[in-house]
């Protein structure tokens, strides 16, 4: 249950371990952010289930998967060639940027709901 409450601590611990292993800190940060998507996705899914009471994993998964075609359309609108590896990397990192604040909001809502009942 701690993984849901404190994924930032686990993420930071993984960052510190990989920083000792890898020489460049920029590559380490990118790798930890990529791994962190899985961590925060799981934490958001569990928190969403705890708040709502129903299993909304598939809805969260569908919302996250929708980011990839939206990213491809955005690249096309900007008149860039759609390169699937670039699209996947940008979409994956965009998921990180969306899941971290989503987790914070769900965590606060969960605490507020728990205090009200």
N, C-alpha and C. Protein backbone atom coordinates (compact mmCIF):
# COMPACT_ATOMS: atom_id res chain seq x y z
N UNK A 1 0.82 -1.19 0.00
CA UNK A 1 0.00 0.00 0.00
C UNK A 1 0.86 1.26 0.00
N UNK A 2 2.10 1.14 0.47
CA UNK A 2 2.97 2.31 0.50
C UNK A 2 3.33 2.81 -0.89
N UNK A 3 3.34 1.92 -1.87
CA UNK A 3 3.64 2.33 -3.23
C UNK A 3 2.59 3.32 -3.73
N UNK A 4 1.39 3.21 -3.25
CA UNK A 4 0.33 4.13 -3.65
C UNK A 4 0.47 5.45 -2.92
N UNK A 5 0.87 5.40 -1.69
CA UNK A 5 0.96 6.60 -0.89
C UNK A 5 2.19 7.44 -1.20
N UNK A 6 3.28 6.79 -1.45
CA UNK A 6 4.54 7.51 -1.59
C UNK A 6 5.35 7.06 -2.81
N UNK A 7 4.82 7.17 -4.01
CA UNK A 7 5.61 6.74 -5.17
C UNK A 7 6.79 7.68 -5.42
N UNK A 8 6.70 8.92 -4.93
CA UNK A 8 7.81 9.85 -5.11
C UNK A 8 9.05 9.36 -4.38
N UNK A 9 8.87 8.80 -3.20
CA UNK A 9 10.01 8.28 -2.42
C UNK A 9 10.64 7.10 -3.14
N UNK A 10 9.82 6.20 -3.65
CA UNK A 10 10.34 5.05 -4.39
C UNK A 10 11.03 5.51 -5.66
N UNK A 11 10.42 6.48 -6.35
CA UNK A 11 11.01 7.03 -7.57
C UNK A 11 12.37 7.65 -7.28
N UNK A 12 12.47 8.40 -6.18
CA UNK A 12 13.73 9.03 -5.81
C UNK A 12 14.78 7.99 -5.44
N UNK A 13 14.38 6.92 -4.75
CA UNK A 13 15.32 5.86 -4.40
C UNK A 13 15.87 5.19 -5.65
N UNK A 14 15.01 4.93 -6.62
CA UNK A 14 15.46 4.33 -7.88
C UNK A 14 16.40 5.29 -8.60
N UNK A 15 16.10 6.58 -8.55
CA UNK A 15 16.97 7.58 -9.17
C UNK A 15 18.36 7.55 -8.53
N UNK A 16 18.42 7.51 -7.22
CA UNK A 16 19.71 7.51 -6.53
C UNK A 16 20.51 6.24 -6.83
N UNK A 17 19.84 5.11 -6.93
CA UNK A 17 20.53 3.86 -7.26
C UNK A 17 21.07 3.91 -8.68
N UNK A 18 20.24 4.34 -9.62
CA UNK A 18 20.69 4.41 -11.01
C UNK A 18 21.75 5.48 -11.22
N UNK A 19 21.72 6.51 -10.43
CA UNK A 19 22.74 7.56 -10.56
C UNK A 19 24.12 7.03 -10.17
N UNK A 20 24.15 6.11 -9.22
CA UNK A 20 25.42 5.49 -8.83
C UNK A 20 25.92 4.56 -9.94
N UNK A 21 24.99 3.95 -10.67
CA UNK A 21 25.36 2.98 -11.71
C UNK A 21 25.72 3.68 -13.02
N UNK A 22 24.91 4.67 -13.41
CA UNK A 22 25.09 5.33 -14.70
C UNK A 22 25.91 6.61 -14.54
N UNK A 23 26.81 6.89 -15.47
CA UNK A 23 27.67 8.07 -15.31
C UNK A 23 26.97 9.41 -15.59
N UNK A 24 26.07 9.47 -16.56
CA UNK A 24 25.44 10.74 -16.91
C UNK A 24 24.11 10.89 -16.18
N UNK A 25 23.95 11.98 -15.47
CA UNK A 25 22.74 12.17 -14.69
C UNK A 25 21.53 12.47 -15.57
N UNK A 26 21.73 13.05 -16.76
CA UNK A 26 20.60 13.34 -17.65
C UNK A 26 19.98 12.04 -18.14
N UNK A 27 20.81 11.09 -18.55
CA UNK A 27 20.29 9.79 -18.99
C UNK A 27 19.62 9.05 -17.84
N UNK A 28 20.17 9.19 -16.65
CA UNK A 28 19.58 8.56 -15.48
C UNK A 28 18.19 9.12 -15.21
N UNK A 29 18.06 10.44 -15.29
CA UNK A 29 16.77 11.07 -15.03
C UNK A 29 15.74 10.62 -16.07
N UNK A 30 16.12 10.56 -17.33
CA UNK A 30 15.21 10.11 -18.37
C UNK A 30 14.77 8.67 -18.14
N UNK A 31 15.70 7.82 -17.76
CA UNK A 31 15.37 6.41 -17.51
C UNK A 31 14.45 6.27 -16.30
N UNK A 32 14.71 7.03 -15.25
CA UNK A 32 13.86 6.95 -14.06
C UNK A 32 12.47 7.50 -14.36
N UNK A 33 12.38 8.54 -15.18
CA UNK A 33 11.06 9.05 -15.57
C UNK A 33 10.30 8.01 -16.38
N UNK A 34 11.01 7.31 -17.26
CA UNK A 34 10.36 6.26 -18.05
C UNK A 34 9.87 5.12 -17.17
N UNK A 35 10.65 4.73 -16.20
CA UNK A 35 10.24 3.67 -15.27
C UNK A 35 9.14 4.19 -14.34
N UNK A 36 9.21 5.47 -14.00
CA UNK A 36 8.23 6.06 -13.10
C UNK A 36 6.82 6.08 -13.65
N UNK A 37 6.67 6.03 -14.98
CA UNK A 37 5.33 5.99 -15.57
C UNK A 37 4.58 4.76 -15.08
N UNK A 38 5.25 3.63 -15.05
CA UNK A 38 4.61 2.39 -14.59
C UNK A 38 4.24 2.52 -13.12
N UNK A 39 5.13 3.09 -12.34
CA UNK A 39 4.89 3.26 -10.91
C UNK A 39 3.70 4.17 -10.65
N UNK A 40 3.66 5.33 -11.31
CA UNK A 40 2.57 6.27 -11.09
C UNK A 40 1.27 5.79 -11.72
N UNK A 41 1.34 5.04 -12.81
CA UNK A 41 0.11 4.49 -13.39
C UNK A 41 -0.55 3.53 -12.41
N UNK A 42 0.25 2.66 -11.83
CA UNK A 42 -0.29 1.72 -10.85
C UNK A 42 -0.86 2.45 -9.63
N UNK A 43 -0.13 3.45 -9.15
CA UNK A 43 -0.59 4.20 -7.98
C UNK A 43 -1.90 4.93 -8.27
N UNK A 44 -2.00 5.53 -9.46
CA UNK A 44 -3.24 6.24 -9.82
C UNK A 44 -4.40 5.27 -9.96
N UNK A 45 -4.15 4.10 -10.53
CA UNK A 45 -5.22 3.11 -10.70
C UNK A 45 -5.74 2.63 -9.34
N UNK A 46 -4.84 2.38 -8.41
CA UNK A 46 -5.26 1.92 -7.08
C UNK A 46 -6.00 3.03 -6.33
N UNK A 47 -5.50 4.25 -6.40
CA UNK A 47 -6.17 5.36 -5.72
C UNK A 47 -7.54 5.63 -6.32
N UNK A 48 -7.64 5.56 -7.64
CA UNK A 48 -8.93 5.77 -8.29
C UNK A 48 -9.94 4.71 -7.88
N UNK A 49 -9.49 3.47 -7.77
CA UNK A 49 -10.37 2.40 -7.31
C UNK A 49 -10.78 2.61 -5.86
N UNK A 50 -9.87 3.08 -5.02
CA UNK A 50 -10.20 3.31 -3.61
C UNK A 50 -11.18 4.46 -3.45
N UNK A 51 -11.07 5.47 -4.28
CA UNK A 51 -11.95 6.63 -4.16
C UNK A 51 -13.34 6.33 -4.71
N UNK A 52 -13.39 5.75 -5.91
CA UNK A 52 -14.67 5.53 -6.58
C UNK A 52 -15.36 4.27 -6.07
N UNK A 53 -14.57 3.26 -5.76
CA UNK A 53 -15.15 2.01 -5.29
C UNK A 53 -15.29 0.97 -6.39
N UNK A 54 -15.14 1.37 -7.66
CA UNK A 54 -15.20 0.45 -8.78
C UNK A 54 -13.83 0.36 -9.43
N UNK A 55 -13.61 -0.72 -10.14
CA UNK A 55 -12.35 -0.90 -10.85
C UNK A 55 -12.39 -0.11 -12.15
N UNK A 56 -11.69 1.00 -12.19
CA UNK A 56 -11.65 1.85 -13.38
C UNK A 56 -10.29 1.75 -14.08
N UNK A 57 -9.61 0.63 -13.91
CA UNK A 57 -8.30 0.43 -14.51
C UNK A 57 -8.36 0.57 -16.03
N UNK A 58 -9.37 -0.02 -16.63
CA UNK A 58 -9.46 0.00 -18.10
C UNK A 58 -9.76 1.40 -18.62
N UNK A 59 -10.50 2.18 -17.87
CA UNK A 59 -10.76 3.56 -18.27
C UNK A 59 -9.47 4.40 -18.20
N UNK A 60 -8.71 4.22 -17.14
CA UNK A 60 -7.43 4.91 -17.01
C UNK A 60 -6.46 4.47 -18.10
N UNK A 61 -6.45 3.18 -18.39
CA UNK A 61 -5.59 2.66 -19.45
C UNK A 61 -5.98 3.23 -20.80
N UNK A 62 -7.28 3.32 -21.08
CA UNK A 62 -7.74 3.89 -22.34
C UNK A 62 -7.36 5.36 -22.46
N UNK A 63 -7.46 6.10 -21.37
CA UNK A 63 -7.07 7.51 -21.40
C UNK A 63 -5.57 7.66 -21.64
N UNK A 64 -4.78 6.79 -21.05
CA UNK A 64 -3.33 6.86 -21.25
C UNK A 64 -2.93 6.44 -22.65
N UNK A 65 -3.60 5.44 -23.20
CA UNK A 65 -3.29 4.99 -24.56
C UNK A 65 -3.71 6.03 -25.58
N UNK A 66 -4.73 6.81 -25.28
CA UNK A 66 -5.20 7.84 -26.21
C UNK A 66 -4.17 8.95 -26.41
N UNK A 67 -3.22 9.05 -25.52
CA UNK A 67 -2.20 10.09 -25.65
C UNK A 67 -1.32 9.87 -26.88
N UNK A 68 -1.08 8.61 -27.23
CA UNK A 68 -0.18 8.33 -28.34
C UNK A 68 -0.73 8.78 -29.69
N UNK A 69 -1.98 8.47 -30.04
CA UNK A 69 -2.50 9.00 -31.31
C UNK A 69 -2.68 10.52 -31.29
N UNK A 70 -3.00 11.07 -30.13
CA UNK A 70 -3.10 12.53 -30.03
C UNK A 70 -1.74 13.16 -30.30
N UNK A 71 -0.70 12.54 -29.79
CA UNK A 71 0.65 13.03 -30.03
C UNK A 71 1.00 12.94 -31.52
N UNK A 72 0.60 11.86 -32.19
CA UNK A 72 0.85 11.71 -33.63
C UNK A 72 0.11 12.77 -34.43
N UNK A 73 -1.13 13.04 -34.05
CA UNK A 73 -1.90 14.09 -34.73
C UNK A 73 -1.25 15.44 -34.51
N UNK A 74 -0.78 15.68 -33.29
CA UNK A 74 -0.12 16.95 -33.00
C UNK A 74 1.15 17.12 -33.84
N UNK A 75 1.93 16.04 -33.99
CA UNK A 75 3.12 16.10 -34.83
C UNK A 75 2.74 16.38 -36.29
N UNK A 76 1.65 15.81 -36.74
CA UNK A 76 1.19 16.01 -38.10
C UNK A 76 0.71 17.44 -38.31
N UNK A 77 0.03 18.01 -37.32
CA UNK A 77 -0.44 19.40 -37.41
C UNK A 77 0.75 20.35 -37.50
N UNK A 78 1.81 20.03 -36.80
CA UNK A 78 3.01 20.86 -36.82
C UNK A 78 3.86 20.60 -38.07
N UNK A 79 3.32 19.84 -38.99
CA UNK A 79 3.96 19.51 -40.27
C UNK A 79 5.29 18.78 -40.09
N UNK A 80 5.33 17.96 -39.08
CA UNK A 80 6.49 17.11 -38.87
C UNK A 80 6.18 15.72 -39.37
N UNK A 81 7.21 15.03 -39.75
CA UNK A 81 7.02 13.63 -40.13
C UNK A 81 6.77 12.83 -38.85
N UNK A 82 5.79 11.96 -38.89
CA UNK A 82 5.47 11.16 -37.71
C UNK A 82 6.44 9.99 -37.64
N UNK A 83 7.34 10.08 -36.71
CA UNK A 83 8.30 9.01 -36.46
C UNK A 83 7.82 8.28 -35.22
N UNK A 84 7.55 7.00 -35.38
CA UNK A 84 6.89 6.26 -34.31
C UNK A 84 7.73 6.16 -33.04
N UNK A 85 9.04 6.06 -33.18
CA UNK A 85 9.86 6.01 -31.96
C UNK A 85 9.80 7.34 -31.23
N UNK A 86 9.86 8.44 -31.97
CA UNK A 86 9.76 9.77 -31.36
C UNK A 86 8.38 9.96 -30.73
N UNK A 87 7.34 9.50 -31.43
CA UNK A 87 5.98 9.61 -30.92
C UNK A 87 5.84 8.81 -29.62
N UNK A 88 6.40 7.62 -29.58
CA UNK A 88 6.29 6.78 -28.40
C UNK A 88 7.04 7.40 -27.22
N UNK A 89 8.25 7.89 -27.46
CA UNK A 89 9.04 8.49 -26.37
C UNK A 89 8.36 9.74 -25.83
N UNK A 90 7.89 10.61 -26.73
CA UNK A 90 7.21 11.83 -26.27
C UNK A 90 5.91 11.50 -25.54
N UNK A 91 5.16 10.54 -26.07
CA UNK A 91 3.92 10.14 -25.40
C UNK A 91 4.17 9.54 -24.04
N UNK A 92 5.21 8.73 -23.93
CA UNK A 92 5.54 8.07 -22.67
C UNK A 92 5.95 9.11 -21.62
N UNK A 93 6.74 10.09 -22.03
CA UNK A 93 7.18 11.14 -21.10
C UNK A 93 6.03 12.10 -20.77
N UNK A 94 5.13 12.30 -21.71
CA UNK A 94 3.95 13.10 -21.44
C UNK A 94 3.06 12.41 -20.41
N UNK A 95 3.00 11.08 -20.49
CA UNK A 95 2.27 10.32 -19.47
C UNK A 95 2.85 10.58 -18.08
N UNK A 96 4.16 10.63 -17.99
CA UNK A 96 4.80 10.92 -16.70
C UNK A 96 4.35 12.28 -16.19
N UNK A 97 4.35 13.28 -17.07
CA UNK A 97 3.96 14.63 -16.66
C UNK A 97 2.49 14.74 -16.31
N UNK A 98 1.66 13.87 -16.85
CA UNK A 98 0.23 13.90 -16.53
C UNK A 98 -0.12 13.04 -15.30
N UNK A 99 0.58 11.93 -15.13
CA UNK A 99 0.25 11.03 -14.03
C UNK A 99 0.71 11.54 -12.67
N UNK A 100 1.81 12.29 -12.63
CA UNK A 100 2.30 12.79 -11.34
C UNK A 100 1.31 13.77 -10.71
N UNK A 101 0.83 14.80 -11.44
CA UNK A 101 -0.18 15.67 -10.80
C UNK A 101 -1.51 14.96 -10.57
N UNK A 102 -1.86 14.02 -11.45
CA UNK A 102 -3.09 13.25 -11.25
C UNK A 102 -3.01 12.47 -9.95
N UNK A 103 -1.86 11.89 -9.69
CA UNK A 103 -1.68 11.15 -8.44
C UNK A 103 -1.82 12.08 -7.25
N UNK A 104 -1.24 13.27 -7.34
CA UNK A 104 -1.33 14.22 -6.23
C UNK A 104 -2.78 14.61 -5.96
N UNK A 105 -3.54 14.85 -7.01
CA UNK A 105 -4.95 15.22 -6.85
C UNK A 105 -5.74 14.06 -6.26
N UNK A 106 -5.53 12.86 -6.80
CA UNK A 106 -6.24 11.69 -6.27
C UNK A 106 -5.87 11.42 -4.81
N UNK A 107 -4.62 11.63 -4.47
CA UNK A 107 -4.18 11.42 -3.09
C UNK A 107 -4.88 12.40 -2.15
N UNK A 108 -4.96 13.67 -2.55
CA UNK A 108 -5.63 14.68 -1.72
C UNK A 108 -7.12 14.40 -1.62
N UNK A 109 -7.74 14.01 -2.74
CA UNK A 109 -9.17 13.68 -2.72
C UNK A 109 -9.42 12.45 -1.84
N UNK A 110 -8.53 11.48 -1.92
CA UNK A 110 -8.67 10.29 -1.09
C UNK A 110 -8.56 10.59 0.39
N UNK A 111 -7.62 11.47 0.74
CA UNK A 111 -7.48 11.86 2.15
C UNK A 111 -8.72 12.64 2.60
N UNK A 112 -9.19 13.56 1.76
CA UNK A 112 -10.38 14.34 2.12
C UNK A 112 -11.60 13.43 2.27
N UNK A 113 -11.74 12.46 1.39
CA UNK A 113 -12.88 11.54 1.48
C UNK A 113 -12.79 10.68 2.74
N UNK A 114 -11.57 10.26 3.06
CA UNK A 114 -11.39 9.44 4.26
C UNK A 114 -11.67 10.25 5.53
N UNK A 115 -11.33 11.52 5.53
CA UNK A 115 -11.56 12.34 6.71
C UNK A 115 -13.05 12.69 6.87
N UNK A 116 -13.78 12.73 5.76
CA UNK A 116 -15.20 13.07 5.86
C UNK A 116 -16.02 11.90 6.39
N UNK A 117 -15.56 10.67 6.20
CA UNK A 117 -16.36 9.51 6.62
C UNK A 117 -15.76 8.86 7.81
